[in-house]
C-alpha atoms as a PDB file:
ATOM      1  CA  MET A   1      12.809 -34.631  50.804  1.00  0.00           C
ATOM      2  CA  ASN A   2      14.062 -35.645  47.363  1.00  0.00           C
ATOM      3  CA  PHE A   3      15.208 -32.522  45.515  1.00  0.00           C
ATOM      4  CA  MET A   4      14.044 -32.148  41.950  1.00  0.00           C
ATOM      5  CA  PHE A   5      16.004 -29.276  40.492  1.00  0.00           C
ATOM      6  CA  LYS A   6      13.565 -28.589  37.667  1.00  0.00           C
ATOM      7  CA  LYS A   7      10.776 -27.994  40.160  1.00  0.00           C
ATOM      8  CA  ALA A   8      12.588 -26.236  42.962  1.00  0.00           C
ATOM      9  CA  ILE A   9      14.567 -23.781  40.850  1.00  0.00           C
ATOM     10  CA  LEU A  10      11.594 -22.447  38.879  1.00  0.00           C
ATOM     11  CA  PRO A  11      11.123 -19.292  40.952  1.00  0.00           C
ATOM     12  CA  LEU A  12      14.664 -18.254  40.112  1.00  0.00           C
ATOM     13  CA  ALA A  13      13.777 -18.129  36.422  1.00  0.00           C
ATOM     14  CA  VAL A  14      11.101 -15.599  37.277  1.00  0.00           C
ATOM     15  CA  LEU A  15      13.500 -13.832  39.605  1.00  0.00           C
ATOM     16  CA  PHE A  16      16.217 -13.571  36.988  1.00  0.00           C
ATOM     17  CA  ALA A  17      13.917 -12.333  34.247  1.00  0.00           C
ATOM     18  CA  LEU A  18      12.496  -9.625  36.491  1.00  0.00           C
ATOM     19  CA  SER A  19      15.882  -8.446  37.717  1.00  0.00           C
ATOM     20  CA  ALA A  20      17.359  -8.451  34.237  1.00  0.00           C
ATOM     21  CA  CYS A  21      14.531  -6.172  33.150  1.00  0.00           C
ATOM     22  CA  GLY A  22      15.223  -3.737  35.967  1.00  0.00           C
ATOM     23  CA  GLY A  23      13.006  -4.978  38.751  1.00  0.00           C
ATOM     24  CA  GLY A  24       9.987  -7.016  39.706  1.00  0.00           C
ATOM     25  CA  SER A  25       7.626  -4.106  40.148  1.00  0.00           C
ATOM     26  CA  SER A  26       7.607  -3.332  36.420  1.00  0.00           C
ATOM     27  CA  SER A  27       6.339  -6.763  35.435  1.00  0.00           C
ATOM     28  CA  SER A  28       2.966  -8.433  35.836  1.00  0.00           C
ATOM     29  CA  VAL A  29       4.562 -11.846  36.036  1.00  0.00           C
ATOM     30  CA  ASN A  30       3.999 -13.543  39.380  1.00  0.00           C
ATOM     31  CA  SER A  31       3.366 -17.141  38.458  1.00  0.00           C
ATOM     32  CA  LEU A  32       4.871 -20.529  37.839  1.00  0.00           C
ATOM     33  CA  SER A  33       2.485 -22.101  35.376  1.00  0.00           C
ATOM     34  CA  GLY A  34       2.227 -25.841  35.654  1.00  0.00           C
ATOM     35  CA  ALA A  35       4.653 -26.301  38.547  1.00  0.00           C
ATOM     36  CA  SER A  36       4.851 -26.009  42.288  1.00  0.00           C
ATOM     37  CA  ALA A  37       6.263 -22.757  43.664  1.00  0.00           C
ATOM     38  CA  LEU A  38       8.235 -21.577  46.614  1.00  0.00           C
ATOM     39  CA  SER A  39       6.400 -19.295  49.010  1.00  0.00           C
ATOM     40  CA  ASN A  40       9.263 -17.045  50.026  1.00  0.00           C
ATOM     41  CA  SER A  41      10.353 -14.626  52.713  1.00  0.00           C
ATOM     42  CA  LEU A  42      13.805 -13.296  51.886  1.00  0.00           C
ATOM     43  CA  ALA A  43      15.678 -10.115  52.780  1.00  0.00           C
ATOM     44  CA  ALA A  44      18.886  -8.496  51.576  1.00  0.00           C
ATOM     45  CA  ILE A  45      21.674  -8.925  54.135  1.00  0.00           C
ATOM     46  CA  SER A  46      24.401  -7.146  52.151  1.00  0.00           C
ATOM     47  CA  THR A  47      24.263  -4.592  49.317  1.00  0.00           C
ATOM     48  CA  PHE A  48      27.137  -3.750  46.966  1.00  0.00           C
ATOM     49  CA  ALA A  49      28.025  -0.411  45.388  1.00  0.00           C
ATOM     50  CA  ASP A  50      26.430  -1.483  42.083  1.00  0.00           C
ATOM     51  CA  ASN A  51      23.174  -2.523  43.876  1.00  0.00           C
ATOM     52  CA  GLY A  52      24.016  -6.200  43.732  1.00  0.00           C
ATOM     53  CA  GLY A  53      24.239  -8.068  47.007  1.00  0.00           C
ATOM     54  CA  VAL A  54      23.364 -11.086  49.114  1.00  0.00           C
ATOM     55  CA  ALA A  55      19.928 -12.165  50.326  1.00  0.00           C
ATOM     56  CA  ALA A  56      18.908 -14.817  52.832  1.00  0.00           C
ATOM     57  CA  GLY A  57      15.720 -16.228  54.266  1.00  0.00           C
ATOM     58  CA  ASN A  58      13.295 -19.086  54.505  1.00  0.00           C
ATOM     59  CA  ALA A  59      10.983 -20.622  51.946  1.00  0.00           C
ATOM     60  CA  THR A  60       8.253 -23.220  51.897  1.00  0.00           C
ATOM     61  CA  ASP A  61       7.900 -25.639  49.015  1.00  0.00           C
ATOM     62  CA  THR A  62       4.169 -25.432  48.350  1.00  0.00           C
ATOM     63  CA  ASP A  63       4.245 -28.894  46.760  1.00  0.00           C
ATOM     64  CA  ASP A  64       5.144 -30.796  49.924  1.00  0.00           C
ATOM     65  CA  GLY A  65       5.314 -28.173  52.690  1.00  0.00           C
ATOM     66  CA  ALA A  66       9.036 -28.629  53.294  1.00  0.00           C
ATOM     67  CA  GLU A  67      10.783 -25.672  54.931  1.00  0.00           C
ATOM     68  CA  LEU A  68      13.891 -24.517  53.087  1.00  0.00           C
ATOM     69  CA  ARG A  69      16.784 -22.163  53.805  1.00  0.00           C
ATOM     70  CA  VAL A  70      17.890 -19.948  50.921  1.00  0.00           C
ATOM     71  CA  LEU A  71      20.980 -17.828  50.163  1.00  0.00           C
ATOM     72  CA  ILE A  72      21.540 -15.962  46.902  1.00  0.00           C
ATOM     73  CA  THR A  73      24.099 -13.497  45.574  1.00  0.00           C
ATOM     74  CA  GLY A  74      23.843 -11.545  42.358  1.00  0.00           C
ATOM     75  CA  PRO A  75      22.858  -8.247  40.712  1.00  0.00           C
ATOM     76  CA  GLN A  76      20.013  -5.874  41.662  1.00  0.00           C
ATOM     77  CA  ILE A  77      19.487  -7.575  45.011  1.00  0.00           C
ATOM     78  CA  SER A  78      16.618  -5.346  46.167  1.00  0.00           C
ATOM     79  CA  ASP A  79      14.623  -6.050  43.009  1.00  0.00           C
ATOM     80  CA  THR A  80      15.610  -9.707  43.214  1.00  0.00           C
ATOM     81  CA  VAL A  81      14.238 -10.013  46.749  1.00  0.00           C
ATOM     82  CA  SER A  82      11.050  -8.183  45.799  1.00  0.00           C
ATOM     83  CA  ALA A  83      10.498 -10.433  42.796  1.00  0.00           C
ATOM     84  CA  LEU A  84      11.156 -13.674  44.635  1.00  0.00           C
ATOM     85  CA  ASN A  85       8.970 -12.692  47.586  1.00  0.00           C
ATOM     86  CA  THR A  86       5.986 -12.095  45.279  1.00  0.00           C
ATOM     87  CA  VAL A  87       6.212 -15.273  43.216  1.00  0.00           C
ATOM     88  CA  LEU A  88       2.832 -17.030  43.473  1.00  0.00           C
ATOM     89  CA  THR A  89       1.206 -19.948  41.713  1.00  0.00           C
ATOM     90  CA  ASP A  90      -1.223 -18.648  39.074  1.00  0.00           C
ATOM     91  CA  SER A  91      -1.773 -20.592  35.872  1.00  0.00           C
ATOM     92  CA  ASN A  92      -3.206 -17.519  34.126  1.00  0.00           C
ATOM     93  CA  ASN A  93       0.104 -15.692  33.840  1.00  0.00           C
ATOM     94  CA  ALA A  94       3.302 -16.095  31.847  1.00  0.00           C
ATOM     95  CA  ASP A  95       4.351 -19.444  30.504  1.00  0.00           C
ATOM     96  CA  LEU A  96       7.612 -20.848  31.851  1.00  0.00           C
ATOM     97  CA  ASP A  97       9.323 -23.583  29.858  1.00  0.00           C
ATOM     98  CA  PHE A  98      11.814 -25.530  31.961  1.00  0.00           C
ATOM     99  CA  ASP A  99      12.053 -28.709  29.953  1.00  0.00           C
ATOM    100  CA  ASN A 100      15.460 -28.224  28.377  1.00  0.00           C
ATOM    101  CA  VAL A 101      17.764 -30.048  30.774  1.00  0.00           C
ATOM    102  CA  THR A 102      20.633 -30.825  28.439  1.00  0.00           C
ATOM    103  CA  SER A 103      22.619 -33.075  30.768  1.00  0.00           C
ATOM    104  CA  THR A 104      22.203 -34.953  34.032  1.00  0.00           C
ATOM    105  CA  ASN A 105      25.180 -36.698  35.612  1.00  0.00           C
ATOM    106  CA  THR A 106      25.928 -38.523  38.837  1.00  0.00           C
ATOM    107  CA  LEU A 107      29.279 -37.301  40.152  1.00  0.00           C
ATOM    108  CA  ALA A 108      31.918 -39.445  41.830  1.00  0.00           C
ATOM    109  CA  ASP A 109      30.733 -38.482  45.321  1.00  0.00           C
ATOM    110  CA  GLY A 110      27.104 -39.394  44.563  1.00  0.00           C
ATOM    111  CA  SER A 111      25.838 -35.854  44.000  1.00  0.00           C
ATOM    112  CA  THR A 112      23.701 -35.044  40.960  1.00  0.00           C
ATOM    113  CA  ALA A 113      24.688 -32.407  38.379  1.00  0.00           C
ATOM    114  CA  GLU A 114      22.252 -30.860  35.906  1.00  0.00           C
ATOM    115  CA  GLU A 115      22.726 -28.293  33.150  1.00  0.00           C
ATOM    116  CA  GLY A 116      20.317 -26.709  30.712  1.00  0.00           C
ATOM    117  CA  THR A 117      18.340 -23.636  29.822  1.00  0.00           C
ATOM    118  CA  THR A 118      14.970 -22.182  30.667  1.00  0.00           C
ATOM    119  CA  THR A 119      12.885 -19.870  28.522  1.00  0.00           C
ATOM    120  CA  PHE A 120      10.766 -17.183  30.117  1.00  0.00           C
ATOM    121  CA  ASP A 121       8.641 -14.891  27.918  1.00  0.00           C
ATOM    122  CA  GLY A 122      11.027 -15.488  25.037  1.00  0.00           C
ATOM    123  CA  ASP A 123      14.214 -14.875  27.047  1.00  0.00           C
ATOM    124  CA  THR A 124      16.603 -17.780  27.540  1.00  0.00           C
ATOM    125  CA  VAL A 125      18.875 -18.167  30.545  1.00  0.00           C
ATOM    126  CA  ALA A 126      21.255 -20.991  31.365  1.00  0.00           C
ATOM    127  CA  PHE A 127      21.667 -22.899  34.598  1.00  0.00           C
ATOM    128  CA  ALA A 128      24.056 -25.373  36.160  1.00  0.00           C
ATOM    129  CA  ALA A 129      23.168 -27.042  39.452  1.00  0.00           C
ATOM    130  CA  VAL A 130      24.455 -29.755  41.749  1.00  0.00           C
ATOM    131  CA  THR A 131      22.377 -31.477  44.443  1.00  0.00           C
ATOM    132  CA  ASP A 132      24.422 -32.989  47.280  1.00  0.00           C
ATOM    133  CA  ARG A 133      24.527 -36.740  47.783  1.00  0.00           C
ATOM    134  CA  ASN A 134      22.192 -36.532  50.811  1.00  0.00           C
ATOM    135  CA  GLN A 135      19.557 -34.793  48.639  1.00  0.00           C
ATOM    136  CA  GLU A 136      19.379 -32.038  51.265  1.00  0.00           C
ATOM    137  CA  ALA A 137      21.174 -29.078  49.667  1.00  0.00           C
ATOM    138  CA  LEU A 138      21.712 -27.596  46.226  1.00  0.00           C
ATOM    139  CA  VAL A 139      24.096 -25.062  44.656  1.00  0.00           C
ATOM    140  CA  ALA A 140      23.276 -23.449  41.312  1.00  0.00           C
ATOM    141  CA  ALA A 141      24.497 -20.774  38.932  1.00  0.00           C
ATOM    142  CA  PHE A 142      21.789 -19.119  36.890  1.00  0.00           C
ATOM    143  CA  GLY A 143      22.158 -16.422  34.247  1.00  0.00           C
ATOM    144  CA  ASP A 144      22.975 -15.309  30.713  1.00  0.00           C
ATOM    145  CA  ALA A 145      25.762 -13.626  28.765  1.00  0.00           C
ATOM    146  CA  ASN A 146      25.495 -10.459  30.871  1.00  0.00           C
ATOM    147  CA  SER A 147      24.923 -11.417  34.499  1.00  0.00           C
ATOM    148  CA  SER A 148      24.545 -14.346  36.845  1.00  0.00           C
ATOM    149  CA  PHE A 149      23.185 -15.361  40.221  1.00  0.00           C
ATOM    150  CA  VAL A 150      24.619 -17.966  42.563  1.00  0.00           C
ATOM    151  CA  LEU A 151      21.962 -19.692  44.620  1.00  0.00           C
ATOM    152  CA  VAL A 152      22.055 -22.277  47.401  1.00  0.00           C
ATOM    153  CA  PHE A 153      19.165 -23.753  49.292  1.00  0.00           C
ATOM    154  CA  GLY A 154      18.228 -26.848  51.225  1.00  0.00           C
ATOM    155  CA  GLU A 155      16.113 -28.346  53.951  1.00  0.00           C
ATOM    156  CA  ALA A 156      15.941 -26.336  57.158  1.00  0.00           C
ATOM    157  CA  MET A 157      18.142 -27.792  59.865  1.00  0.00           C
ATOM    158  CA  SER A 158      16.621 -29.811  62.698  1.00  0.00           C
ATOM    159  CA  GLY A 159      18.246 -30.908  65.944  1.00  0.00           C
ATOM    160  CA  SER A 160      21.540 -29.576  67.266  1.00  0.00           C
ATOM    161  CA  LEU A 161      25.071 -29.186  65.922  1.00  0.00           C
ATOM    162  CA  VAL A 162      27.284 -31.527  67.951  1.00  0.00           C
ATOM    163  CA  GLY A 163      30.545 -33.395  67.496  1.00  0.00           C
ATOM    164  CA  SER A 164      33.201 -33.030  64.827  1.00  0.00           C
ATOM    165  CA  HIS A 165      32.546 -33.705  61.151  1.00  0.00           C
ATOM    166  CA  THR A 166      34.074 -33.322  57.706  1.00  0.00           C
ATOM    167  CA  TYR A 167      31.881 -32.072  54.864  1.00  0.00           C
ATOM    168  CA  THR A 168      32.719 -32.475  51.179  1.00  0.00           C
ATOM    169  CA  GLY A 169      30.896 -31.531  48.018  1.00  0.00           C
ATOM    170  CA  THR A 170      30.676 -29.201  45.035  1.00  0.00           C
ATOM    171  CA  PHE A 171      32.284 -25.760  44.930  1.00  0.00           C
ATOM    172  CA  GLY A 172      31.952 -23.132  42.215  1.00  0.00           C
ATOM    173  CA  MET A 173      33.594 -19.739  41.697  1.00  0.00           C
ATOM    174  CA  GLY A 174      34.083 -17.227  38.925  1.00  0.00           C
ATOM    175  CA  GLU A 175      34.016 -13.608  37.881  1.00  0.00           C
ATOM    176  CA  THR A 176      30.746 -11.820  38.516  1.00  0.00           C
ATOM    177  CA  GLY A 177      28.953 -11.331  35.220  1.00  0.00           C
ATOM    178  CA  PRO A 178      28.239 -14.018  32.606  1.00  0.00           C
ATOM    179  CA  ILE A 179      27.280 -17.458  33.860  1.00  0.00           C
ATOM    180  CA  ALA A 180      30.013 -18.921  31.657  1.00  0.00           C
ATOM    181  CA  ASN A 181      32.544 -17.458  34.117  1.00  0.00           C
ATOM    182  CA  ILE A 182      31.575 -19.947  36.859  1.00  0.00           C
ATOM    183  CA  ASP A 183      34.039 -22.841  37.183  1.00  0.00           C
ATOM    184  CA  LEU A 184      33.153 -25.891  39.282  1.00  0.00           C
ATOM    185  CA  GLY A 185      35.311 -27.931  41.623  1.00  0.00           C
ATOM    186  CA  SER A 186      35.126 -29.338  45.149  1.00  0.00           C
ATOM    187  CA  PHE A 187      35.473 -28.314  48.786  1.00  0.00           C
ATOM    188  CA  THR A 188      36.312 -29.764  52.174  1.00  0.00           C
ATOM    189  CA  MET A 189      35.040 -28.233  55.402  1.00  0.00           C
ATOM    190  CA  THR A 190      36.124 -29.535  58.819  1.00  0.00           C
ATOM    191  CA  ALA A 191      33.720 -28.542  61.587  1.00  0.00           C
ATOM    192  CA  ASP A 192      34.275 -28.854  65.330  1.00  0.00           C
ATOM    193  CA  PHE A 193      30.944 -27.892  66.830  1.00  0.00           C
ATOM    194  CA  GLY A 194      32.100 -28.522  70.382  1.00  0.00           C
ATOM    195  CA  GLY A 195      34.981 -26.090  69.943  1.00  0.00           C
ATOM    196  CA  ASN A 196      32.887 -23.820  67.680  1.00  0.00           C
ATOM    197  CA  THR A 197      35.493 -23.678  64.908  1.00  0.00           C
ATOM    198  CA  TYR A 198      35.753 -24.673  61.272  1.00  0.00           C
ATOM    199  CA  THR A 199      38.211 -24.601  58.389  1.00  0.00           C
ATOM    200  CA  PHE A 200      37.212 -24.465  54.721  1.00  0.00           C
ATOM    201  CA  THR A 201      39.135 -25.159  51.522  1.00  0.00           C
ATOM    202  CA  GLY A 202      37.509 -24.961  48.096  1.00  0.00           C
ATOM    203  CA  ALA A 203      39.161 -25.273  44.694  1.00  0.00           C
ATOM    204  CA  THR A 204      37.823 -25.102  41.141  1.00  0.00           C
ATOM    205  CA  ASN A 205      38.967 -27.455  38.414  1.00  0.00           C
ATOM    206  CA  GLY A 206      40.871 -24.483  36.980  1.00  0.00           C
ATOM    207  CA  GLY A 207      42.879 -23.991  40.181  1.00  0.00           C
ATOM    208  CA  ASP A 208      41.148 -20.968  41.758  1.00  0.00           C
ATOM    209  CA  THR A 209      40.692 -21.340  45.520  1.00  0.00           C
ATOM    210  CA  LEU A 210      38.767 -20.112  48.537  1.00  0.00           C
ATOM    211  CA  THR A 211      40.137 -20.732  52.034  1.00  0.00           C
ATOM    212  CA  GLY A 212      39.292 -19.591  55.519  1.00  0.00           C
ATOM    213  CA  SER A 213      38.143 -20.422  59.026  1.00  0.00           C
ATOM    214  CA  GLY A 214      35.732 -19.111  61.615  1.00  0.00           C
ATOM    215  CA  ALA A 215      33.007 -19.845  64.143  1.00  0.00           C
ATOM    216  CA  PHE A 216      29.330 -20.800  63.980  1.00  0.00           C
ATOM    217  CA  ASN A 217      26.088 -19.432  65.300  1.00  0.00           C
ATOM    218  CA  LEU A 218      25.154 -22.742  66.882  1.00  0.00           C
ATOM    219  CA  GLN A 219      21.599 -21.630  67.661  1.00  0.00           C
ATOM    220  CA  THR A 220      20.702 -20.724  64.069  1.00  0.00           C
ATOM    221  CA  GLY A 221      22.959 -23.212  62.292  1.00  0.00           C
ATOM    222  CA  THR A 222      24.628 -20.478  60.239  1.00  0.00           C
ATOM    223  CA  PHE A 223      28.084 -18.940  59.833  1.00  0.00           C
ATOM    224  CA  THR A 224      29.524 -15.768  58.317  1.00  0.00           C
ATOM    225  CA  SER A 225      33.108 -14.606  57.894  1.00  0.00           C
ATOM    226  CA  SER A 226      34.625 -11.667  56.029  1.00  0.00           C
ATOM    227  CA  THR A 227      38.212 -12.882  56.425  1.00  0.00           C
ATOM    228  CA  PHE A 228      38.344 -15.660  53.819  1.00  0.00           C
ATOM    229  CA  THR A 229      40.911 -15.509  51.009  1.00  0.00           C
ATOM    230  CA  ALA A 230      39.997 -16.037  47.357  1.00  0.00           C
ATOM    231  CA  VAL A 231      42.732 -16.648  44.787  1.00  0.00           C
ATOM    232  CA  ASN A 232      41.737 -16.156  41.159  1.00  0.00           C
ATOM    233  CA  SER A 233      44.314 -16.546  38.369  1.00  0.00           C
ATOM    234  CA  GLY A 234      47.026 -16.020  40.964  1.00  0.00           C
ATOM    235  CA  THR A 235      45.535 -12.828  42.412  1.00  0.00           C
ATOM    236  CA  SER A 236      44.570 -12.941  46.090  1.00  0.00           C
ATOM    237  CA  SER A 237      41.521 -11.071  47.461  1.00  0.00           C
ATOM    238  CA  ALA A 238      39.699 -10.943  50.790  1.00  0.00           C
ATOM    239  CA  ALA A 239      36.269 -12.581  50.640  1.00  0.00           C
ATOM    240  CA  THR A 240      33.067 -12.921  52.665  1.00  0.00           C
ATOM    241  CA  VAL A 241      31.256 -16.239  53.143  1.00  0.00           C
ATOM    242  CA  TYR A 242      27.652 -16.842  54.227  1.00  0.00           C
ATOM    243  CA  GLY A 243      26.821 -20.441  55.182  1.00  0.00           C
ATOM    244  CA  GLN A 244      23.981 -22.566  56.530  1.00  0.00           C
ATOM    245  CA  PHE A 245      23.427 -26.138  57.679  1.00  0.00           C
ATOM    246  CA  HIS A 246      20.635 -28.450  56.572  1.00  0.00           C
ATOM    247  CA  GLY A 247      19.014 -31.703  57.620  1.00  0.00           C
ATOM    248  CA  ASN A 248      19.045 -33.556  60.919  1.00  0.00           C
ATOM    249  CA  GLY A 249      21.880 -32.286  63.102  1.00  0.00           C
ATOM    250  CA  GLY A 250      23.396 -30.333  60.219  1.00  0.00           C
ATOM    251  CA  SER A 251      24.094 -33.336  57.992  1.00  0.00           C
ATOM    252  CA  SER A 252      24.569 -31.055  54.950  1.00  0.00           C
ATOM    253  CA  VAL A 253      25.919 -27.545  54.391  1.00  0.00           C
ATOM    254  CA  SER A 254      25.668 -24.841  51.737  1.00  0.00           C
ATOM    255  CA  GLY A 255      26.804 -21.263  51.250  1.00  0.00           C
ATOM    256  CA  VAL A 256      27.575 -18.356  48.931  1.00  0.00           C
ATOM    257  CA  PHE A 257      30.513 -15.960  48.893  1.00  0.00           C
ATOM    258  CA  HIS A 258      31.927 -12.893  47.176  1.00  0.00           C
ATOM    259  CA  THR A 259      35.175 -10.968  47.155  1.00  0.00           C
ATOM    260  CA  ASN A 260      35.242  -7.830  49.301  1.00  0.00           C
ATOM    261  CA  GLU A 261      35.572  -5.024  46.761  1.00  0.00           C
ATOM    262  CA  ALA A 262      32.825  -2.370  46.874  1.00  0.00           C
ATOM    263  CA  THR A 263      31.556  -4.089  43.727  1.00  0.00           C
ATOM    264  CA  PRO A 264      32.808  -7.699  44.001  1.00  0.00           C
ATOM    265  CA  THR A 265      34.794  -9.083  41.098  1.00  0.00           C
ATOM    266  CA  HIS A 266      34.184 -12.759  41.951  1.00  0.00           C
ATOM    267  CA  HIS A 267      31.463 -14.824  43.579  1.00  0.00           C
ATOM    268  CA  GLY A 268      30.395 -18.425  44.000  1.00  0.00           C
ATOM    269  CA  GLY A 269      28.788 -21.057  46.171  1.00  0.00           C
ATOM    270  CA  PHE A 270      29.055 -24.558  47.601  1.00  0.00           C
ATOM    271  CA  ALA A 271      26.885 -27.446  48.781  1.00  0.00           C
ATOM    272  CA  GLY A 272      27.834 -30.780  50.296  1.00  0.00           C
ATOM    273  CA  SER A 273      27.372 -33.363  53.035  1.00  0.00           C
ATOM    274  CA  ARG A 274      29.294 -35.145  55.748  1.00  0.00           C
END
């Protein structure tokens, strides 16, 4: 599967607009005019004190039938899940303009970075996304001057997790709130599937870091840990990470994370390959 960010991220524009307006149920919008959609089945797996949270699930790209795994963290998670789960293709509904990709760059490791804006019913939101060099996983920040989502998704994993591997790729972290808070960088993850252990180190270009270790669910190709450490502007906080593997034998990995306050102060995501 060759990821095209402009196509695959479209449902998140609908999702963001609905959540920003206070929930999907108040809007008649349920379409992606002129583009393929994701047929989604997501559920909240963590909810914060301010009703933000984390959601996870599976999706099917209706353009080519590919099965995807999705993780997202951001505000109003219940409304976000409801909105994303009801996105359908219907050319009779709201127009979605996603043509304003302002930059596309190939990074040193072969991954592809895109930035731009999308306009939905007159509202403009910004995005920044990086697709890993294997074209199997993507990490994106999506939002406006008030709030932001961090999204990762990629091909569902096939085969088994075996051996020992090192994954590298793009890492992003910032204060929850405006998308401008998200700072990009890189990560390294060393995975020993035979011993069922991993270590993770991520750092932004501004010097903020996320570090930790843990174990996998080898059957589902996922991992979760609430004992990571995030350091932001010199201040250390406990953090929770949610991760997933993609591709044949887990050739790529992605995940989202947040600090552990009742209402997290920082969040982010990562995507990369071995």
